Every structure is written in structure tokens, then in C-alpha cells.
């Protein structure tokens, strides 16, 4: 069961640490993705939040019109 992360900030707001369970939850909520998607993005582009956000935006299917 996924829970809401407590109200605190990550150690580094520019980088994602998927090895910290709290940060993984935080960034998943913040970026609107699952843990699996977040880990795939980190594997693809590294830990920079801006790169991960761009990858997630470009890798998601567009909504049907």
C-alpha cells in the first residue's frame, strides 16, 4: 500500500535518490509517476530532476483525441 510521504524536503532538490524509500515516494508523488517509472527514468537519463521530468513527459503516451 502506497502512503503519503511526510512533509519534508529531499536532501537534494536537484537529484533523485531511488535508494531512499522516502525520497522515492516523494519524487513519485511530485513527478506524478510510479516507482517503476521513476526507476526507469533514472536508468535512462540519470538522477537530475529536470532530465527525469523531461524523460517522463516524452515517454508517456499521449491521450487519445
Protein backbone atom coordinates (compact mmCIF):
# COMPACT_ATOMS: atom_id res chain seq x y z
CA UNK A 1 0.00 0.00 0.00
CA UNK A 2 1.38 3.36 -1.01
CA UNK A 3 1.36 6.03 1.64
CA UNK A 4 1.79 9.78 1.51
CA UNK A 5 5.34 10.86 2.27
CA UNK A 6 5.68 13.05 5.36
CA UNK A 7 6.03 16.79 4.81
CA UNK A 8 9.76 17.26 4.45
CA UNK A 9 12.14 18.09 1.64
CA UNK A 10 14.61 15.73 -0.04
CA UNK A 11 18.29 16.10 0.80
CA UNK A 12 18.99 17.50 -2.70
CA UNK A 13 16.13 19.07 -4.66
CA UNK A 14 18.04 18.70 -7.95
CA UNK A 15 18.70 14.95 -7.72
CA UNK A 16 16.57 11.86 -7.10
CA UNK A 17 17.82 9.17 -4.74
CA UNK A 18 15.86 5.99 -5.56
CA UNK A 19 17.79 4.12 -2.86
CA UNK A 20 15.99 6.10 -0.15
CA UNK A 21 12.40 4.79 0.14
CA UNK A 22 11.07 8.12 1.39
CA UNK A 23 12.65 10.04 -1.48
CA UNK A 24 11.33 7.52 -3.98
CA UNK A 25 7.80 8.13 -2.64
CA UNK A 26 8.34 11.89 -2.56
CA UNK A 27 9.58 12.13 -6.15
CA UNK A 28 6.92 9.71 -7.40
CA UNK A 29 4.23 11.97 -5.95
CA UNK A 30 5.96 15.16 -7.10
CA UNK A 31 6.52 13.92 -10.66
CA UNK A 32 3.23 12.02 -10.92
CA UNK A 33 4.73 8.62 -11.69
CA UNK A 34 5.07 5.16 -10.22
CA UNK A 35 8.22 3.86 -8.56
CA UNK A 36 8.82 1.68 -11.61
CA UNK A 37 8.55 4.66 -13.98
CA UNK A 38 10.84 6.71 -11.74
CA UNK A 39 13.48 3.96 -11.66
CA UNK A 40 13.23 3.53 -15.45
CA UNK A 41 13.76 7.27 -15.89
CA UNK A 42 16.79 7.24 -13.58
CA UNK A 43 18.21 4.27 -15.51
CA UNK A 44 17.63 6.09 -18.81
CA UNK A 45 18.78 9.65 -18.04
CA UNK A 46 20.40 9.76 -14.60
CA UNK A 47 19.38 11.41 -11.35
CA UNK A 48 18.83 15.06 -12.37
CA UNK A 49 15.20 16.03 -11.69
CA UNK A 50 14.96 18.18 -14.84
CA UNK A 51 16.17 15.30 -17.03
CA UNK A 52 13.81 12.83 -15.34
CA UNK A 53 10.85 15.21 -15.74
CA UNK A 54 11.61 15.63 -19.46
CA UNK A 55 12.02 11.87 -19.96
CA UNK A 56 8.74 11.13 -18.18
CA UNK A 57 6.93 13.75 -20.26
CA UNK A 58 8.29 12.37 -23.54
CA UNK A 59 7.91 8.68 -22.69
CA UNK A 60 4.26 8.75 -21.68
CA UNK A 61 1.69 8.02 -24.36
CA UNK A 62 -0.37 10.99 -25.46
CA UNK A 63 -4.07 10.96 -24.59
CA UNK A 64 -6.43 9.80 -27.30
CA UNK A 65 -8.31 12.57 -29.06
